N, C-alpha and C. Protein backbone atom coordinates (compact mmCIF):
# COMPACT_ATOMS: atom_id res chain seq x y z
N MET A 1 133.89 56.47 37.63
CA MET A 1 133.54 56.03 36.19
C MET A 1 132.54 55.04 36.26
N LEU A 2 132.55 53.87 37.35
CA LEU A 2 131.57 52.93 37.37
C LEU A 2 130.14 53.47 37.45
N SER A 3 129.80 54.61 38.28
CA SER A 3 128.73 55.15 38.41
C SER A 3 128.15 55.69 37.25
N VAL A 4 128.94 56.32 36.43
CA VAL A 4 128.46 56.85 35.25
C VAL A 4 127.98 55.69 34.22
N LYS A 5 128.63 54.50 34.26
CA LYS A 5 128.15 53.41 33.46
C LYS A 5 126.53 53.13 33.89
N VAL A 6 126.51 53.11 35.19
CA VAL A 6 125.26 52.94 35.76
C VAL A 6 124.12 53.97 35.14
N LEU A 7 124.56 55.09 35.20
CA LEU A 7 123.70 56.12 34.83
C LEU A 7 123.25 56.04 33.37
N SER A 8 124.31 55.53 32.59
CA SER A 8 124.12 55.45 31.25
C SER A 8 123.16 54.06 30.86
N ARG A 9 123.47 53.11 31.52
CA ARG A 9 122.33 52.06 31.47
C ARG A 9 121.09 52.28 31.90
N ALA A 10 120.95 53.05 32.90
CA ALA A 10 119.57 53.54 33.52
C ALA A 10 119.09 54.21 32.27
N LEU A 11 119.61 55.18 31.67
CA LEU A 11 118.92 56.09 30.78
C LEU A 11 118.76 55.20 29.44
N ASN A 12 119.52 54.12 28.98
CA ASN A 12 119.16 53.32 27.93
C ASN A 12 118.12 52.36 28.42
N SER A 13 117.93 52.11 29.42
CA SER A 13 116.67 51.19 29.74
C SER A 13 115.47 52.10 29.65
N LEU A 14 115.47 53.18 29.45
CA LEU A 14 114.12 53.85 29.23
C LEU A 14 113.33 53.45 28.00
N PHE A 15 114.22 52.82 26.99
CA PHE A 15 113.72 52.47 25.81
C PHE A 15 112.90 51.02 25.99
N ASP A 16 113.14 50.43 27.04
CA ASP A 16 112.24 49.37 27.25
C ASP A 16 110.87 49.70 27.76
N ASP A 17 110.58 50.93 28.19
CA ASP A 17 109.12 51.32 28.42
C ASP A 17 108.54 51.55 27.00
N PRO A 18 107.40 50.91 26.54
CA PRO A 18 106.73 51.31 25.35
C PRO A 18 106.32 52.65 25.33
N MET A 19 105.91 53.36 26.45
CA MET A 19 105.44 54.58 26.59
C MET A 19 106.32 55.84 26.60
N TYR A 20 107.83 55.46 26.52
CA TYR A 20 108.73 56.41 26.44
C TYR A 20 108.93 56.75 24.94
N ARG A 21 109.10 58.10 24.76
CA ARG A 21 109.18 58.65 23.47
C ARG A 21 110.61 59.42 23.60
N GLY A 22 111.56 58.75 22.64
CA GLY A 22 112.86 59.67 22.63
C GLY A 22 112.84 60.84 21.92
N PHE A 23 114.05 61.19 21.42
CA PHE A 23 114.26 62.39 20.73
C PHE A 23 113.85 61.87 19.25
N GLY A 24 113.45 62.74 18.48
CA GLY A 24 112.96 62.22 17.23
C GLY A 24 114.12 62.07 16.28
N MET A 25 114.39 60.79 16.17
CA MET A 25 115.46 60.33 15.14
C MET A 25 114.96 59.47 13.99
N PRO A 26 115.61 59.46 13.02
CA PRO A 26 115.14 58.58 12.03
C PRO A 26 115.00 57.26 12.41
N LYS A 27 114.05 56.37 11.73
CA LYS A 27 113.72 54.93 12.19
C LYS A 27 115.02 53.95 12.21
N SER A 28 115.71 54.29 11.07
CA SER A 28 117.14 53.47 10.78
C SER A 28 117.87 53.70 11.72
N SER A 29 117.99 54.73 12.47
CA SER A 29 118.96 55.09 13.44
C SER A 29 118.96 54.20 14.92
N PRO A 30 120.00 54.06 15.38
CA PRO A 30 119.96 53.35 16.71
C PRO A 30 119.53 54.21 17.73
N ASP A 31 118.80 53.65 18.79
CA ASP A 31 118.28 54.38 19.92
C ASP A 31 119.18 55.10 20.45
N LEU A 32 119.16 56.44 20.62
CA LEU A 32 120.15 57.34 21.25
C LEU A 32 119.38 58.17 22.14
N ASN A 33 119.67 58.49 23.39
CA ASN A 33 119.02 59.42 24.31
C ASN A 33 120.08 60.22 25.09
N HIS A 34 121.30 59.88 24.97
CA HIS A 34 122.33 60.59 25.78
C HIS A 34 123.73 60.37 25.17
N LEU A 35 124.51 61.51 25.61
CA LEU A 35 126.18 61.21 25.23
C LEU A 35 126.75 61.54 26.59
N ALA A 36 127.79 60.80 26.94
CA ALA A 36 128.38 60.81 28.40
C ALA A 36 129.83 60.90 27.99
N TYR A 37 130.69 61.82 28.69
CA TYR A 37 132.11 61.82 28.80
C TYR A 37 132.44 62.28 30.22
N ALA A 38 133.07 61.52 30.99
CA ALA A 38 133.44 61.62 32.33
C ALA A 38 132.04 62.11 33.03
N ASP A 39 132.20 63.35 33.64
CA ASP A 39 131.19 63.82 34.48
C ASP A 39 130.07 64.80 33.52
N ASP A 40 130.42 64.64 32.31
CA ASP A 40 129.53 65.58 31.48
C ASP A 40 128.41 64.75 30.58
N THR A 41 127.19 65.02 30.92
CA THR A 41 126.14 64.38 30.11
C THR A 41 125.20 65.38 29.39
N ILE A 42 125.00 64.80 28.14
CA ILE A 42 123.78 65.53 27.43
C ILE A 42 122.69 64.55 27.06
N ILE A 43 121.36 64.73 27.44
CA ILE A 43 120.33 63.95 27.21
C ILE A 43 119.31 64.54 26.18
N PHE A 44 118.98 63.49 25.39
CA PHE A 44 118.17 63.99 24.13
C PHE A 44 116.88 63.11 24.40
N THR A 45 115.73 63.95 24.46
CA THR A 45 114.43 63.31 24.79
C THR A 45 113.16 64.29 24.00
N SER A 46 112.13 63.76 24.03
CA SER A 46 111.06 64.41 23.65
C SER A 46 110.50 65.45 24.73
N VAL A 47 109.47 66.26 24.20
CA VAL A 47 108.94 67.17 25.36
C VAL A 47 107.77 66.30 26.08
N ASP A 48 107.53 65.18 25.62
CA ASP A 48 106.47 64.18 26.03
C ASP A 48 106.45 64.38 27.75
N ARG A 49 105.59 64.73 28.41
CA ARG A 49 105.49 64.75 29.86
C ARG A 49 105.98 63.40 30.44
N TYR A 50 105.43 62.57 30.06
CA TYR A 50 105.88 61.22 30.62
C TYR A 50 107.16 60.81 30.33
N SER A 51 107.86 61.06 29.08
CA SER A 51 109.24 60.95 28.97
C SER A 51 109.97 61.59 29.83
N LEU A 52 109.83 62.98 29.87
CA LEU A 52 110.62 63.78 30.82
C LEU A 52 110.62 63.38 32.09
N GLU A 53 109.31 63.04 32.63
CA GLU A 53 109.49 62.67 33.95
C GLU A 53 110.27 61.28 34.37
N LEU A 54 110.22 60.46 33.15
CA LEU A 54 110.93 59.17 33.53
C LEU A 54 112.58 59.77 33.37
N VAL A 55 112.88 60.49 32.70
CA VAL A 55 114.23 60.77 32.68
C VAL A 55 114.64 61.52 33.80
N MET A 56 113.92 62.33 34.52
CA MET A 56 114.21 63.10 35.81
C MET A 56 114.26 62.17 37.06
N GLU A 57 113.21 61.00 36.86
CA GLU A 57 113.12 59.91 37.90
C GLU A 57 114.54 59.36 37.74
N VAL A 58 114.94 59.04 36.53
CA VAL A 58 116.42 58.43 36.45
C VAL A 58 117.38 59.23 37.02
N LEU A 59 117.53 60.46 36.67
CA LEU A 59 118.54 61.49 37.50
C LEU A 59 118.50 61.57 38.68
N LEU A 60 117.26 61.52 39.33
CA LEU A 60 117.04 61.70 40.75
C LEU A 60 117.53 60.29 41.64
N ASN A 61 117.13 59.32 41.08
CA ASN A 61 117.42 57.88 41.47
C ASN A 61 119.04 57.95 41.55
N TYR A 62 119.82 58.22 40.39
CA TYR A 62 121.03 58.23 40.35
C TYR A 62 121.70 59.29 41.51
N GLU A 63 121.32 60.39 41.56
CA GLU A 63 121.69 61.06 42.64
C GLU A 63 121.64 60.68 44.03
N THR A 64 120.53 59.84 44.22
CA THR A 64 120.41 59.30 45.44
C THR A 64 121.34 58.06 45.73
N VAL A 65 121.37 57.11 44.83
CA VAL A 65 122.36 55.94 44.80
C VAL A 65 123.91 56.22 44.79
N SER A 66 124.38 57.29 44.02
CA SER A 66 125.60 57.43 43.76
C SER A 66 126.11 58.58 44.79
N GLY A 67 125.32 59.32 45.23
CA GLY A 67 125.71 60.46 46.14
C GLY A 67 126.26 61.70 45.57
N GLN A 68 126.25 61.49 44.23
CA GLN A 68 126.69 62.56 43.30
C GLN A 68 125.40 63.55 43.17
N ARG A 69 125.50 64.86 42.83
CA ARG A 69 124.45 65.65 42.66
C ARG A 69 124.65 66.52 41.18
N MET A 70 123.70 66.56 40.70
CA MET A 70 123.56 67.55 39.23
C MET A 70 123.82 68.86 39.76
N ASN A 71 124.55 69.64 38.90
CA ASN A 71 124.93 71.15 39.26
C ASN A 71 123.89 71.74 38.37
N ARG A 72 122.66 72.16 39.03
CA ARG A 72 121.55 72.63 38.38
C ARG A 72 121.92 74.01 37.75
N ASP A 73 123.10 74.74 38.50
CA ASP A 73 123.28 76.36 37.81
C ASP A 73 123.97 76.09 36.55
N LYS A 74 124.61 74.80 36.13
CA LYS A 74 125.23 74.50 34.82
C LYS A 74 124.23 73.60 33.82
N SER A 75 122.96 73.13 34.54
CA SER A 75 122.25 72.25 33.65
C SER A 75 121.35 73.25 33.09
N CYS A 76 120.76 72.77 31.92
CA CYS A 76 119.86 73.47 31.20
C CYS A 76 119.36 72.75 30.13
N PHE A 77 118.02 73.03 29.46
CA PHE A 77 117.52 72.51 28.45
C PHE A 77 117.67 73.29 27.10
N TYR A 78 117.59 72.47 25.82
CA TYR A 78 117.54 73.32 24.57
C TYR A 78 116.33 73.20 23.72
N MET A 79 115.81 74.15 23.35
CA MET A 79 114.63 73.99 22.50
C MET A 79 114.68 74.93 21.27
N TYR A 80 114.02 74.73 20.18
CA TYR A 80 114.03 75.89 18.90
C TYR A 80 113.36 77.05 19.66
N LYS A 81 113.95 78.25 19.21
CA LYS A 81 113.32 79.49 19.55
C LYS A 81 111.85 79.64 19.18
N THR A 82 111.34 78.85 18.27
CA THR A 82 109.84 78.98 17.75
C THR A 82 109.04 78.12 18.49
N CYS A 83 109.45 77.25 19.50
CA CYS A 83 108.62 76.39 20.35
C CYS A 83 107.64 77.46 21.00
N ALA A 84 106.56 76.61 21.52
CA ALA A 84 105.42 77.34 22.08
C ALA A 84 105.91 77.38 23.65
N MET A 85 105.59 78.57 24.19
CA MET A 85 105.99 79.03 25.61
C MET A 85 105.38 78.09 26.64
N SER A 86 104.24 77.58 26.12
CA SER A 86 103.49 76.51 26.85
C SER A 86 104.39 75.30 27.08
N LEU A 87 105.11 74.84 25.96
CA LEU A 87 105.99 73.66 26.05
C LEU A 87 107.27 74.02 27.02
N VAL A 88 107.88 75.24 26.75
CA VAL A 88 108.94 75.72 27.56
C VAL A 88 108.74 75.67 29.00
N LYS A 89 107.39 76.16 29.41
CA LYS A 89 107.14 76.30 30.68
C LYS A 89 106.84 74.73 31.36
N ASP A 90 106.51 73.70 30.62
CA ASP A 90 106.10 72.61 31.15
C ASP A 90 107.48 72.04 31.31
N VAL A 91 108.47 72.11 30.35
CA VAL A 91 109.95 71.53 30.39
C VAL A 91 110.34 72.03 31.75
N THR A 92 110.38 73.52 31.91
CA THR A 92 111.08 73.99 33.18
C THR A 92 110.56 73.43 34.33
N GLN A 93 109.17 73.29 34.39
CA GLN A 93 108.35 72.75 35.57
C GLN A 93 108.87 71.56 35.91
N ILE A 94 108.81 70.67 34.97
CA ILE A 94 109.21 69.04 35.08
C ILE A 94 110.79 68.95 35.43
N THR A 95 111.65 69.56 34.84
CA THR A 95 112.99 69.47 35.11
C THR A 95 113.58 70.44 36.19
N GLY A 96 113.10 71.34 36.21
CA GLY A 96 113.77 72.44 37.19
C GLY A 96 115.00 73.12 36.49
N PHE A 97 115.14 72.98 35.39
CA PHE A 97 116.37 73.56 34.69
C PHE A 97 115.89 74.70 33.75
N THR A 98 116.85 75.64 33.63
CA THR A 98 116.47 76.84 32.90
C THR A 98 116.74 76.63 31.31
N ARG A 99 116.26 77.43 30.56
CA ARG A 99 116.32 77.19 29.11
C ARG A 99 117.67 77.92 28.60
N GLY A 100 118.35 77.15 27.92
CA GLY A 100 119.51 77.67 27.10
C GLY A 100 119.30 78.01 25.78
N GLU A 101 120.28 78.68 25.04
CA GLU A 101 120.18 79.07 23.89
C GLU A 101 121.25 78.50 22.97
N PHE A 102 120.73 78.25 21.68
CA PHE A 102 121.61 77.35 20.89
C PHE A 102 122.84 77.97 20.42
N LEU A 103 123.79 77.40 19.86
CA LEU A 103 125.10 77.59 19.49
C LEU A 103 125.61 77.62 21.17
N PHE A 104 126.13 76.43 21.53
CA PHE A 104 126.69 76.15 22.88
C PHE A 104 127.78 75.02 22.68
N LYS A 105 128.70 75.03 23.52
CA LYS A 105 129.79 74.08 23.32
C LYS A 105 129.63 72.92 24.28
N TYR A 106 129.70 71.76 23.79
CA TYR A 106 129.67 70.48 24.64
C TYR A 106 131.04 69.78 24.34
N LEU A 107 131.89 69.58 25.40
CA LEU A 107 133.04 68.93 25.22
C LEU A 107 133.90 69.70 24.27
N GLY A 108 133.99 70.97 24.07
CA GLY A 108 134.69 71.61 23.05
C GLY A 108 134.19 71.78 21.60
N CYS A 109 133.09 71.01 21.50
CA CYS A 109 132.45 71.13 20.03
C CYS A 109 131.20 71.99 19.98
N LEU A 110 130.98 72.80 19.04
CA LEU A 110 129.69 73.57 18.84
C LEU A 110 128.58 72.83 18.64
N ILE A 111 127.52 73.02 19.22
CA ILE A 111 126.20 72.24 18.94
C ILE A 111 125.19 73.65 18.62
N PHE A 112 124.72 73.17 17.30
CA PHE A 112 123.76 74.10 16.71
C PHE A 112 122.81 73.29 15.94
N HIS A 113 121.66 73.82 15.67
CA HIS A 113 120.79 73.34 14.96
C HIS A 113 120.24 73.99 13.52
N SER A 114 120.77 75.03 13.26
CA SER A 114 120.84 75.78 12.09
C SER A 114 121.85 75.50 11.02
N ARG A 115 121.99 76.14 9.94
CA ARG A 115 122.96 75.90 8.95
C ARG A 115 124.27 76.19 9.57
N LYS A 116 125.29 75.58 8.89
CA LYS A 116 126.77 75.96 9.47
C LYS A 116 127.04 77.26 8.86
N LYS A 117 127.88 77.89 9.78
CA LYS A 117 128.11 79.33 9.53
C LYS A 117 129.69 79.30 9.72
N LYS A 118 130.45 80.01 8.87
CA LYS A 118 131.86 80.20 8.91
C LYS A 118 132.25 80.78 10.36
N ALA A 119 131.41 81.65 10.79
CA ALA A 119 131.74 82.29 11.91
C ALA A 119 131.80 81.38 13.31
N TYR A 120 131.04 80.32 13.25
CA TYR A 120 130.75 79.27 14.11
C TYR A 120 132.36 78.49 14.51
N TYR A 121 133.19 78.71 13.30
CA TYR A 121 134.52 77.92 13.44
C TYR A 121 135.52 78.98 13.55
N ASN A 122 135.43 80.16 13.75
CA ASN A 122 136.50 81.14 13.95
C ASN A 122 137.36 80.86 14.98
N ASP A 123 136.87 80.26 16.04
CA ASP A 123 137.93 79.91 17.27
C ASP A 123 138.72 78.84 16.80
N LEU A 124 138.19 77.70 16.03
CA LEU A 124 139.03 76.68 15.72
C LEU A 124 140.00 77.11 14.59
N ILE A 125 139.55 77.86 13.80
CA ILE A 125 140.58 78.44 12.49
C ILE A 125 141.58 79.22 13.30
N LYS A 126 141.27 79.88 14.40
CA LYS A 126 142.48 80.66 15.10
C LYS A 126 143.35 79.83 15.73
N LYS A 127 142.86 78.76 16.40
CA LYS A 127 143.74 77.59 16.90
C LYS A 127 144.75 77.17 15.89
N VAL A 128 144.13 76.76 14.93
CA VAL A 128 144.94 76.17 13.85
C VAL A 128 145.94 77.08 13.19
N ASN A 129 145.54 78.22 13.11
CA ASN A 129 146.37 79.34 12.45
C ASN A 129 147.69 79.45 13.52
N ASP A 130 147.47 79.53 14.93
CA ASP A 130 148.24 79.85 15.71
C ASP A 130 149.29 78.69 15.75
N LYS A 131 148.98 77.50 15.67
CA LYS A 131 149.83 76.24 15.60
C LYS A 131 150.62 76.51 14.35
N LEU A 132 150.12 76.77 13.39
CA LEU A 132 150.83 77.02 12.05
C LEU A 132 151.91 77.96 12.08
N GLN A 133 151.62 78.87 12.90
CA GLN A 133 152.53 80.03 13.07
C GLN A 133 153.91 79.47 13.89
N ASN A 134 153.61 78.63 14.71
CA ASN A 134 154.56 77.87 15.35
C ASN A 134 155.59 77.18 14.55
N TRP A 135 154.95 76.37 13.65
CA TRP A 135 155.66 75.63 12.48
C TRP A 135 156.67 76.55 11.73
N LYS A 136 156.13 77.80 11.42
CA LYS A 136 157.09 78.68 10.78
C LYS A 136 158.43 78.92 11.43
N GLY A 137 158.53 78.74 12.89
CA GLY A 137 159.60 79.08 13.57
C GLY A 137 160.42 77.77 13.18
N LYS A 138 161.43 77.85 14.35
CA LYS A 138 162.52 76.86 14.30
C LYS A 138 162.27 75.45 14.79
N LEU A 139 160.86 75.26 15.06
CA LEU A 139 160.25 74.15 15.87
C LEU A 139 160.44 72.74 15.04
N MET A 140 160.37 72.76 13.67
CA MET A 140 160.25 71.74 12.75
C MET A 140 161.00 71.94 11.65
N SER A 141 161.66 71.01 11.18
CA SER A 141 162.49 71.12 9.78
C SER A 141 161.69 70.81 8.70
N PHE A 142 161.82 71.25 7.34
CA PHE A 142 161.11 71.04 6.17
C PHE A 142 160.71 69.78 6.10
N GLY A 143 161.47 68.82 6.31
CA GLY A 143 161.34 67.33 6.07
C GLY A 143 160.49 66.73 7.20
N GLY A 144 160.56 67.33 8.50
CA GLY A 144 159.49 67.09 9.50
C GLY A 144 158.20 67.28 9.29
N LYS A 145 158.11 68.61 8.52
CA LYS A 145 156.78 69.25 8.19
C LYS A 145 156.04 68.32 7.15
N VAL A 146 156.78 67.92 6.35
CA VAL A 146 156.17 67.08 5.23
C VAL A 146 155.74 65.81 5.72
N VAL A 147 156.42 65.06 6.66
CA VAL A 147 155.97 63.80 7.21
C VAL A 147 154.68 64.01 8.02
N LEU A 148 154.72 65.23 8.72
CA LEU A 148 153.54 65.45 9.60
C LEU A 148 152.46 65.72 8.64
N ILE A 149 152.43 66.40 7.81
CA ILE A 149 151.32 66.76 6.73
C ILE A 149 150.89 65.59 6.26
N ASN A 150 151.86 64.76 5.71
CA ASN A 150 151.43 63.60 5.00
C ASN A 150 150.78 62.48 5.73
N SER A 151 151.07 62.22 7.22
CA SER A 151 150.48 61.55 8.08
C SER A 151 149.05 61.88 8.52
N VAL A 152 149.23 63.34 8.61
CA VAL A 152 147.68 63.68 8.86
C VAL A 152 146.85 63.56 7.63
N LEU A 153 147.10 63.70 6.55
CA LEU A 153 146.40 63.79 5.16
C LEU A 153 145.86 62.30 5.16
N GLN A 154 146.73 61.42 5.36
CA GLN A 154 146.61 59.78 5.13
C GLN A 154 145.65 59.26 6.14
N SER A 155 145.57 59.93 7.45
CA SER A 155 144.72 59.36 8.49
C SER A 155 143.38 59.97 8.35
N MET A 156 142.98 61.11 7.59
CA MET A 156 141.85 61.78 7.44
C MET A 156 140.81 60.90 6.89
N PRO A 157 140.96 60.08 5.85
CA PRO A 157 139.88 59.28 5.38
C PRO A 157 139.50 58.13 6.56
N MET A 158 140.34 57.60 7.15
CA MET A 158 140.18 56.41 8.05
C MET A 158 139.34 57.25 9.21
N HIS A 159 139.64 58.30 9.61
CA HIS A 159 138.80 58.97 10.59
C HIS A 159 137.51 59.28 10.36
N LEU A 160 137.41 59.78 9.05
CA LEU A 160 135.83 60.16 8.36
C LEU A 160 135.06 58.69 8.31
N LEU A 161 135.72 57.81 8.03
CA LEU A 161 135.17 56.54 7.93
C LEU A 161 134.57 55.74 9.13
N SER A 162 135.51 56.06 10.23
CA SER A 162 135.06 55.48 11.75
C SER A 162 133.96 56.55 12.22
N ALA A 163 133.91 57.67 11.79
CA ALA A 163 132.97 58.51 12.31
C ALA A 163 131.58 58.48 11.76
N MET A 164 131.57 57.94 10.48
CA MET A 164 130.19 57.70 9.70
C MET A 164 129.68 56.21 9.99
N VAL A 165 128.51 56.04 10.19
CA VAL A 165 127.76 54.68 10.28
C VAL A 165 127.00 54.47 9.18
N PRO A 166 127.30 53.41 8.29
CA PRO A 166 126.54 53.49 7.23
C PRO A 166 125.15 52.71 7.55
N HIS A 167 124.23 53.16 6.80
CA HIS A 167 122.59 52.61 6.92
C HIS A 167 122.63 51.00 6.58
N LYS A 168 123.29 50.80 5.54
CA LYS A 168 123.41 49.42 5.15
C LYS A 168 124.82 48.98 4.78
N VAL A 169 125.13 47.70 4.72
CA VAL A 169 126.33 47.42 4.24
C VAL A 169 126.05 46.32 3.14
N TYR A 170 126.57 46.21 2.08
CA TYR A 170 126.54 45.24 0.99
C TYR A 170 127.77 44.65 0.70
N TYR A 171 127.61 43.29 0.51
CA TYR A 171 128.75 42.45 0.15
C TYR A 171 128.51 41.91 -1.23
N SER A 172 129.58 42.54 -2.07
CA SER A 172 129.28 41.85 -3.42
C SER A 172 130.46 41.10 -3.85
N GLY A 173 131.18 40.35 -2.98
CA GLY A 173 132.29 39.43 -3.36
C GLY A 173 131.90 38.23 -4.13
N ALA A 174 132.78 37.75 -4.80
CA ALA A 174 132.44 36.66 -5.53
C ALA A 174 132.77 35.40 -4.46
N LYS A 175 132.07 34.25 -4.76
CA LYS A 175 132.14 32.93 -3.88
C LYS A 175 133.11 32.20 -4.68
């Protein structure tokens, strides 16, 4: 766990280099170049050669210092289908990774860049329906179902608020 924090800090320190170009995010958003959970990491960066080389340098240094190795068979990069093949070749050459196709799962969540489609959520819908089928059995009384549904419905707004980061916060309280 400690070594993953070292990797995270090293990736975050890339923003200290004025030549580093991260993933194209809105100016008002915080600097973000990776997400990590346990030993799974997803890195966001531009296709700028210098930036890619910096990211790979961080990853190779991490391998050397920690003794952990990237699984290159599972590692890949993702780009839009319409990207120029010269860019794809450059990224492949610099990273040594293969190109993956969009609509993939990261930590069980679908990652895609196009419009949301109902078909993307069929697995999730099936899992929820399977859970609901169990409820119809003798597992829970009617009162228990009501308490559980109320609890879930009451917690949804709090979850949504915690997942969203407002751009600006205004305080209009009286003094």
